[in-house]
Amino acid sequence: MPGGTRSYEMARRLVRAGHNVNMVTADQQGEARRQFWRESTESGICVHWAHVHYSNRMGFSQRIAAFVRFAVMATLKAAKLEGDIIFATSTPLTIAIPALLVSSWKRIPFVFEVRDMWPDVPIAIGAIRNPVLVWLARWLEKLTYRRAAHVVALAPGMREDIIAKGVPEEKITVIPNGCDLDVFGSLEPGGSPRTEFAWLGDRKMLIFAGTLGLVNGVDYLVRLAHQVARLDPEIRFVVIGGGRERNAIRSLADREGVLDRNFFMIEPMPKRELARWLSAADMAVALFTGPRAVWKDAVQNKFFDALAAGKPISNNFDGWQSRIAAEADVGLILNPEDTVIAAQALVDALHDETWLAGVPGRSRILAEGRFNRDQLALQLEHVLEEVTRSKPC
């Protein structure tokens, strides 16, 4: 399915290492079903799918309702499963509720993984404003950190933020997102999108793949495409994804005169299909907007996918992943305010054939080194085993 695959990639490696893994998750297919649950086996993982519809197109109250519904259903399901340890990976913060309750009932420890700093981010962007909800969110956060046997953070900045909340530093391990070289690094033979679309052909292509939500700020890409068209009208921008802002972005692109000219929109697709598009691209792009809390420790899938595919990546924010790309000379930090300046930097990079030719080798060093998914899974396995051996509930 479209979306992040960190949990799946880590879980299947735990299975491969000899562990039994039950995964409780939501069914993103959103099909109408009479039963509340369905089960399947994916790469040896026993997956319990809760029929809880969720979409980025939902309003805030609808999302909260979906989070609460899943928390209740996941609690009831997890209470029936046997295990030595519980691993809860968030967002949203309500993921901690089943872990807290079932850990207490079954007297087994739980490890909490922080993929985004909730509730800091929704409070910073104004998604949570009600004082009562803010208090409840802060209370749940403190309780979760206190009761968790260990905390996994996806970036060093997240670790520092968690320490600042009073969590002992020895209780926190940083395990960043990783590169899926088996998906993006060695593609199976297949047709290229370049042969399927006349508007693409052999033209330079920049690709954005991800959610089209408020904090993603994909309207920036529309304005950037408008400016790039003045410099090089042959450069193609491709947006792959869905979300509540999709129609607004499409309308803006139409008004700016770039829709279906140098700016194209495609529906979300599974990761292996996305790999085909990324393989054909000349550059990937990562976007964020809003207060610093939103993007300073960004660990986006698209960043790691670009590294695995050996593609340069442009970021319009000066966060953790952006600096890694710039320092390794595999990406750009585009001016987030001035699209005229950003457009010139982008066009210059896309026409620098010497630089482009060197990116795959430099990306490979990162993908096979510090962001190697196999090595990161070993780190997670070590954390879980250590907690199981030494941390009573």
Protein backbone atom coordinates (compact mmCIF):
# COMPACT_ATOMS: atom_id res chain seq x y z
CA MET A 1 0.00 0.00 0.00
CA PRO A 2 1.11 3.64 -0.30
CA GLY A 3 2.68 5.20 2.76
CA GLY A 4 5.54 4.59 5.16
CA THR A 5 6.96 1.07 5.42
CA ARG A 6 9.39 1.37 8.36
CA SER A 7 7.33 -0.89 10.63
CA TYR A 8 7.02 -3.57 7.96
CA GLU A 9 10.70 -3.45 7.04
CA MET A 10 11.81 -3.71 10.68
CA ALA A 11 9.25 -6.43 11.49
CA ARG A 12 10.16 -8.69 8.59
CA ARG A 13 13.81 -8.52 9.61
CA LEU A 14 12.85 -9.48 13.17
CA VAL A 15 11.00 -12.48 11.72
CA ARG A 16 14.04 -13.36 9.65
CA ALA A 17 16.13 -13.26 12.84
CA GLY A 18 13.86 -15.90 14.37
CA HIS A 19 11.34 -13.85 16.34
CA ASN A 20 7.55 -14.22 16.28
CA VAL A 21 5.90 -10.90 15.38
CA ASN A 22 2.26 -9.87 15.65
CA MET A 23 1.50 -6.49 14.11
CA VAL A 24 -1.67 -4.59 14.97
CA THR A 25 -2.39 -1.87 12.43
CA ALA A 26 -5.14 -0.05 10.54
CA ASP A 27 -6.44 -1.16 7.16
CA GLN A 28 -5.66 1.71 4.78
CA GLN A 29 -7.66 0.14 1.98
CA GLY A 30 -10.78 1.56 3.60
CA GLU A 31 -13.04 -1.07 2.10
CA ALA A 32 -16.52 -1.52 3.50
CA ARG A 33 -16.40 -4.59 5.70
CA ARG A 34 -18.86 -6.16 8.08
CA GLN A 35 -16.11 -7.60 10.28
CA PHE A 36 -13.99 -5.32 12.43
CA TRP A 37 -10.78 -7.25 11.76
CA ARG A 38 -9.03 -9.22 9.09
CA GLU A 39 -5.78 -11.12 9.36
CA SER A 40 -3.01 -11.91 6.91
CA THR A 41 0.57 -13.12 6.92
CA GLU A 42 3.05 -10.74 5.32
CA SER A 43 6.68 -11.90 5.07
CA GLY A 44 6.13 -14.06 8.16
CA ILE A 45 4.46 -11.27 10.17
CA CYS A 46 1.00 -12.06 11.54
CA VAL A 47 -0.84 -8.83 10.70
CA HIS A 48 -4.09 -7.92 12.43
CA TRP A 49 -5.87 -5.28 10.36
CA ALA A 50 -8.39 -3.05 12.14
CA HIS A 51 -11.14 -1.67 9.96
CA VAL A 52 -10.62 1.99 10.89
CA HIS A 53 -10.90 4.41 8.02
CA TYR A 54 -8.30 7.17 8.07
CA SER A 55 -7.31 9.74 5.47
CA ASN A 56 -5.31 12.93 5.36
CA ARG A 57 -8.43 14.46 3.82
CA MET A 58 -10.25 14.15 7.15
CA GLY A 59 -10.85 17.12 9.41
CA PHE A 60 -9.13 17.28 12.80
CA SER A 61 -12.13 16.00 14.78
CA GLN A 62 -12.55 13.09 12.35
CA ARG A 63 -8.89 12.18 12.74
CA ILE A 64 -9.10 12.27 16.53
CA ALA A 65 -12.13 9.99 16.34
CA ALA A 66 -10.19 7.58 14.12
CA PHE A 67 -7.20 7.64 16.50
CA VAL A 68 -9.41 6.89 19.50
CA ARG A 69 -11.30 4.15 17.65
CA PHE A 70 -8.04 2.47 16.68
CA ALA A 71 -6.66 2.82 20.22
CA VAL A 72 -9.70 1.02 21.63
CA MET A 73 -9.69 -1.72 18.99
CA ALA A 74 -5.91 -2.21 19.21
CA THR A 75 -6.11 -2.50 22.99
CA LEU A 76 -8.74 -5.24 22.80
CA LYS A 77 -6.82 -7.10 20.10
CA ALA A 78 -3.40 -6.83 21.77
CA ALA A 79 -4.86 -8.06 25.06
CA LYS A 80 -5.61 -11.39 23.33
CA LEU A 81 -2.11 -11.83 21.89
CA GLU A 82 0.83 -13.48 23.60
CA GLY A 83 4.28 -11.94 23.64
CA ASP A 84 7.35 -11.00 25.63
CA ILE A 85 7.44 -7.33 24.71
CA ILE A 86 5.27 -4.63 23.16
CA PHE A 87 6.65 -2.18 20.61
CA ALA A 88 4.50 0.89 19.96
CA THR A 89 5.51 3.22 17.14
CA SER A 90 3.97 6.69 16.96
CA THR A 91 2.51 8.96 15.43
CA PRO A 92 -0.10 9.62 16.64
CA LEU A 93 0.58 9.72 20.38
CA THR A 94 -2.61 7.72 21.01
CA ILE A 95 -0.67 4.67 19.77
CA ALA A 96 0.76 4.63 23.29
CA ILE A 97 -2.65 3.88 24.88
CA PRO A 98 -2.85 0.18 23.87
CA ALA A 99 0.81 -0.25 24.87
CA LEU A 100 0.28 1.33 28.28
CA LEU A 101 -2.85 -0.67 29.07
CA VAL A 102 -1.79 -4.07 27.75
CA SER A 103 1.68 -3.71 29.27
CA SER A 104 0.06 -3.15 32.66
CA TRP A 105 -2.47 -5.98 32.29
CA LYS A 106 0.00 -8.58 31.04
CA ARG A 107 2.96 -7.28 33.06
CA ILE A 108 5.30 -7.21 30.07
CA PRO A 109 7.48 -4.22 29.13
CA PHE A 110 6.91 -1.91 26.20
CA VAL A 111 9.25 0.15 24.03
CA PHE A 112 7.96 3.39 22.57
CA GLU A 113 9.23 4.70 19.21
CA VAL A 114 8.96 8.42 18.44
CA ARG A 115 8.70 9.09 14.70
CA ASP A 116 7.40 12.63 15.16
CA MET A 117 7.39 14.81 18.27
CA TRP A 118 3.75 14.57 19.31
CA PRO A 119 2.07 16.54 20.76
CA ASP A 120 4.66 19.27 20.07
CA VAL A 121 4.05 19.33 16.31
CA PRO A 122 0.20 19.45 16.28
CA ILE A 123 0.29 22.09 19.04
CA ALA A 124 2.87 24.15 17.10
CA ILE A 125 0.77 24.18 13.92
CA GLY A 126 -2.45 24.90 15.82
CA ALA A 127 -4.09 21.54 15.19
CA ILE A 128 -4.56 21.13 18.94
CA ARG A 129 -5.74 24.38 20.55
CA ASN A 130 -8.29 23.40 23.16
CA PRO A 131 -6.57 23.81 26.58
CA VAL A 132 -8.12 20.59 27.86
CA LEU A 133 -6.88 18.60 24.86
CA VAL A 134 -3.43 20.19 25.17
CA TRP A 135 -3.30 19.20 28.85
CA LEU A 136 -4.44 15.66 28.09
CA ALA A 137 -1.89 15.29 25.31
CA ARG A 138 0.93 16.52 27.54
CA TRP A 139 -0.22 14.21 30.34
CA LEU A 140 -0.29 11.19 28.00
CA GLU A 141 3.16 12.09 26.70
CA LYS A 142 4.67 12.26 30.20
CA LEU A 143 2.97 9.03 31.25
CA THR A 144 4.21 7.25 28.13
CA TYR A 145 7.83 8.30 28.61
CA ARG A 146 7.71 7.39 32.29
CA ARG A 147 6.17 3.95 31.79
CA ALA A 148 8.09 2.94 28.66
CA ALA A 149 11.00 0.62 29.39
CA HIS A 150 12.93 2.29 26.58
CA VAL A 151 12.39 5.01 23.97
CA VAL A 152 13.54 4.91 20.34
CA ALA A 153 13.94 8.25 18.55
CA LEU A 154 14.42 8.67 14.81
CA ALA A 155 16.81 11.64 14.94
CA PRO A 156 19.41 13.10 17.34
CA GLY A 157 17.36 16.28 17.73
CA MET A 158 14.37 14.23 18.85
CA ARG A 159 16.55 12.57 21.47
CA GLU A 160 17.61 15.96 22.82
CA ASP A 161 13.98 17.12 22.94
CA ILE A 162 12.96 13.98 24.84
CA ILE A 163 15.82 14.42 27.31
CA ALA A 164 14.64 18.00 27.85
CA LYS A 165 11.28 16.57 28.92
CA GLY A 166 12.99 14.79 31.81
CA VAL A 167 13.67 11.36 30.29
CA PRO A 168 17.07 9.90 31.26
CA GLU A 169 19.43 9.86 28.28
CA GLU A 170 20.39 6.22 28.88
CA LYS A 171 16.75 5.33 28.29
CA ILE A 172 16.81 6.65 24.70
CA THR A 173 18.34 5.13 21.57
CA VAL A 174 18.48 6.87 18.18
CA ILE A 175 17.61 4.55 15.29
CA PRO A 176 16.96 6.65 12.19
CA ASN A 177 14.87 5.72 9.21
CA GLY A 178 16.70 3.58 6.69
CA CYS A 179 17.28 2.87 3.04
CA ASP A 180 15.58 -0.05 1.32
CA LEU A 181 18.26 -1.07 -1.14
CA ASP A 182 16.33 -4.21 -2.06
CA VAL A 183 13.48 -2.00 -3.30
CA PHE A 184 15.24 1.02 -4.77
CA GLY A 185 18.81 -0.17 -5.21
CA SER A 186 18.23 -3.13 -7.52
CA LEU A 187 15.13 -2.71 -9.64
CA GLU A 188 13.55 -5.63 -11.42
CA PRO A 189 13.42 -5.28 -15.20
CA GLY A 190 10.38 -3.34 -16.31
CA GLY A 191 9.22 -0.49 -18.46
CA SER A 192 10.23 3.03 -17.57
CA PRO A 193 7.61 5.76 -17.10
CA ARG A 194 9.63 7.72 -19.64
CA THR A 195 8.41 5.43 -22.41
CA GLU A 196 4.79 5.60 -21.21
CA PHE A 197 4.20 9.36 -21.18
CA ALA A 198 4.86 11.59 -24.15
CA TRP A 199 5.14 14.66 -21.90
CA LEU A 200 8.12 13.08 -20.13
CA GLY A 201 10.36 11.31 -22.62
CA ASP A 202 14.02 12.15 -22.00
CA ARG A 203 13.35 15.50 -20.28
CA LYS A 204 14.74 16.29 -16.83
CA MET A 205 12.32 15.16 -14.12
CA LEU A 206 11.97 16.22 -10.50
CA ILE A 207 9.69 14.04 -8.35
CA PHE A 208 7.75 14.62 -5.13
CA ALA A 209 6.15 11.52 -3.61
CA GLY A 210 4.18 11.79 -0.40
CA THR A 211 1.22 13.23 1.43
CA LEU A 212 -0.36 16.41 0.15
CA GLY A 213 -1.22 17.89 3.52
CA LEU A 214 -0.99 21.29 5.16
CA VAL A 215 2.51 20.90 6.61
CA ASN A 216 3.89 19.48 3.37
CA GLY A 217 3.43 22.79 1.56
CA VAL A 218 3.34 21.37 -1.97
CA ASP A 219 1.97 24.73 -3.17
CA TYR A 220 5.65 25.77 -2.95
CA LEU A 221 6.40 23.28 -5.71
CA VAL A 222 3.73 24.82 -7.93
CA ARG A 223 5.29 28.27 -7.56
CA LEU A 224 8.74 26.77 -8.11
CA ALA A 225 7.56 25.07 -11.32
CA HIS A 226 6.24 28.41 -12.52
CA GLN A 227 9.63 30.04 -12.05
CA VAL A 228 11.57 27.08 -13.49
CA ALA A 229 9.40 27.22 -16.63
CA ARG A 230 10.83 30.68 -17.31
CA LEU A 231 14.36 29.29 -17.22
CA ASP A 232 13.85 25.86 -18.76
CA PRO A 233 10.30 24.91 -19.82
CA GLU A 234 11.38 21.33 -20.55
CA ILE A 235 11.99 20.40 -16.90
CA ARG A 236 9.13 18.26 -15.58
CA PHE A 237 7.72 18.28 -12.04
CA VAL A 238 5.85 15.12 -11.02
CA VAL A 239 3.78 14.95 -7.82
CA ILE A 240 2.74 11.47 -6.69
CA GLY A 241 0.41 11.35 -3.71
CA GLY A 242 -2.91 12.19 -2.17
CA GLY A 243 -4.23 14.23 0.72
CA ARG A 244 -6.58 17.00 1.74
CA GLU A 245 -4.66 19.63 -0.23
CA ARG A 246 -4.62 17.76 -3.53
CA ASN A 247 -7.50 19.66 -5.13
CA ALA A 248 -6.18 23.01 -3.91
CA ILE A 249 -2.74 22.25 -5.34
CA ARG A 250 -4.24 21.20 -8.65
CA SER A 251 -6.29 24.40 -8.81
CA LEU A 252 -3.25 26.55 -8.02
CA ALA A 253 -1.22 24.78 -10.72
CA ASP A 254 -4.00 25.48 -13.18
CA ARG A 255 -4.10 29.16 -12.24
CA GLU A 256 -0.31 29.42 -12.51
CA GLY A 257 -0.45 27.91 -15.98
CA VAL A 258 1.79 24.93 -15.18
CA LEU A 259 -0.73 22.09 -14.81
CA ASP A 260 -0.10 19.37 -17.40
CA ARG A 261 2.56 21.59 -18.97
CA ASN A 262 5.56 21.18 -16.73
CA PHE A 263 3.69 20.14 -13.54
CA PHE A 264 1.92 16.76 -13.43
CA MET A 265 -0.05 15.02 -10.68
CA ILE A 266 -0.36 11.24 -10.27
CA GLU A 267 -2.34 9.17 -7.75
CA PRO A 268 -0.57 7.44 -4.81
CA MET A 269 1.08 4.10 -5.53
CA PRO A 270 2.77 1.26 -3.61
CA LYS A 271 6.46 1.60 -2.87
CA ARG A 272 7.68 -0.88 -5.46
CA GLU A 273 5.79 0.97 -8.20
CA LEU A 274 7.13 4.26 -6.86
CA ALA A 275 10.63 2.81 -7.19
CA ARG A 276 10.11 2.67 -10.96
CA TRP A 277 9.36 6.40 -11.04
CA LEU A 278 12.22 7.33 -8.75
CA SER A 279 14.61 5.29 -10.87
CA ALA A 280 13.57 7.38 -13.88
CA ALA A 281 13.84 10.72 -12.05
CA ASP A 282 16.78 13.10 -12.11
CA MET A 283 16.07 14.49 -8.66
CA ALA A 284 13.70 14.01 -5.72
CA VAL A 285 12.30 16.81 -3.60
CA ALA A 286 11.24 17.01 0.06
CA LEU A 287 9.04 19.82 1.32
CA PHE A 288 7.85 21.22 4.63
CA THR A 289 6.24 24.42 5.80
CA GLY A 290 5.29 25.84 9.18
CA PRO A 291 7.16 26.37 12.45
CA ARG A 292 10.60 24.88 13.08
CA ALA A 293 9.20 22.14 15.30
CA VAL A 294 7.61 20.59 12.21
CA TRP A 295 10.74 20.15 10.09
CA LYS A 296 13.89 20.46 12.21
CA ASP A 297 14.15 16.69 12.79
CA ALA A 298 12.39 15.52 9.63
CA VAL A 299 13.11 11.88 8.75
CA GLN A 300 11.03 11.53 5.61
CA ASN A 301 10.76 8.30 3.65
CA LYS A 302 11.38 10.20 0.43
CA PHE A 303 14.82 11.29 1.66
CA PHE A 304 15.95 7.72 2.36
CA ASP A 305 14.32 6.39 -0.80
CA ALA A 306 16.29 8.92 -2.84
CA LEU A 307 19.54 7.83 -1.18
CA ALA A 308 18.76 4.18 -1.88
CA ALA A 309 17.99 4.98 -5.53
CA GLY A 310 21.15 7.09 -5.86
CA LYS A 311 19.21 10.25 -6.68
CA PRO A 312 19.95 13.80 -5.49
CA ILE A 313 17.35 15.35 -3.19
CA SER A 314 16.35 18.99 -2.75
CA ASN A 315 14.84 20.16 0.54
CA ASN A 316 13.19 23.53 1.12
CA PHE A 317 13.95 23.49 4.85
CA ASP A 318 17.18 23.52 6.84
CA GLY A 319 16.55 20.42 8.97
CA TRP A 320 18.51 17.33 9.99
CA GLN A 321 18.06 15.42 6.74
CA SER A 322 18.63 18.54 4.63
CA ARG A 323 22.03 19.15 6.22
CA ILE A 324 23.04 15.52 5.77
CA ALA A 325 22.25 15.76 2.04
CA ALA A 326 24.09 19.06 1.65
CA GLU A 327 27.14 17.95 3.63
CA ALA A 328 27.40 14.70 1.66
CA ASP A 329 26.97 16.69 -1.59
CA VAL A 330 23.93 14.68 -2.65
CA GLY A 331 21.34 17.42 -2.36
CA LEU A 332 20.37 21.08 -2.14
CA ILE A 333 18.71 23.28 0.45
CA LEU A 334 16.38 25.46 -1.60
CA ASN A 335 15.37 28.94 -0.50
CA PRO A 336 11.97 28.38 1.17
CA GLU A 337 10.78 31.97 0.68
CA ASP A 338 12.13 33.06 -2.71
CA THR A 339 11.21 30.68 -5.52
CA VAL A 340 13.11 32.80 -8.04
CA ILE A 341 16.39 32.09 -6.25
CA ALA A 342 15.36 28.47 -5.66
CA ALA A 343 14.50 27.97 -9.33
CA GLN A 344 17.90 29.17 -10.49
CA ALA A 345 19.70 26.87 -8.02
CA LEU A 346 17.56 23.93 -9.12
CA VAL A 347 18.06 24.49 -12.84
CA ASP A 348 21.81 24.91 -12.35
CA ALA A 349 21.98 21.61 -10.43
CA LEU A 350 19.90 19.70 -12.97
CA HIS A 351 22.22 20.83 -15.75
CA ASP A 352 25.43 20.08 -13.84
CA GLU A 353 26.11 16.68 -15.38
CA THR A 354 29.39 16.21 -13.50
CA TRP A 355 27.68 16.71 -10.15
CA LEU A 356 24.74 14.49 -11.12
CA ALA A 357 27.09 11.71 -12.19
CA GLY A 358 28.82 11.74 -8.80
CA VAL A 359 25.66 11.61 -6.68
CA PRO A 360 24.95 7.84 -6.93
CA GLY A 361 28.35 6.91 -5.50
CA ARG A 362 28.09 9.40 -2.66
CA SER A 363 24.50 8.34 -1.91
CA ARG A 364 25.54 4.70 -1.82
CA ILE A 365 28.02 5.43 0.96
CA LEU A 366 25.19 6.74 3.14
CA ALA A 367 22.69 4.07 2.11
CA GLU A 368 25.06 1.18 2.77
CA GLY A 369 26.57 2.79 5.87
CA ARG A 370 24.79 4.80 8.54
CA PHE A 371 21.34 4.31 6.96
CA ASN A 372 21.58 0.62 6.12
CA ARG A 373 18.19 -0.86 7.05
CA ASP A 374 19.65 -4.26 7.95
CA GLN A 375 22.06 -2.70 10.45
CA LEU A 376 19.34 -0.46 11.90
CA ALA A 377 17.07 -3.47 12.37
CA LEU A 378 19.86 -5.19 14.29
CA GLN A 379 20.03 -2.16 16.59
CA LEU A 380 16.29 -2.34 17.20
CA GLU A 381 16.49 -6.09 17.84
CA HIS A 382 19.25 -5.46 20.39
CA VAL A 383 17.13 -2.85 22.20
CA LEU A 384 14.11 -5.16 22.33
CA GLU A 385 16.15 -8.14 23.54
CA GLU A 386 17.89 -6.07 26.21
CA VAL A 387 14.59 -4.74 27.51
CA THR A 388 13.07 -8.22 27.51
CA ARG A 389 15.98 -9.60 29.52
CA SER A 390 16.45 -6.79 32.00
CA LYS A 391 13.33 -4.63 32.27
CA PRO A 392 10.38 -6.01 34.25
CA CYS A 393 7.08 -4.21 33.59
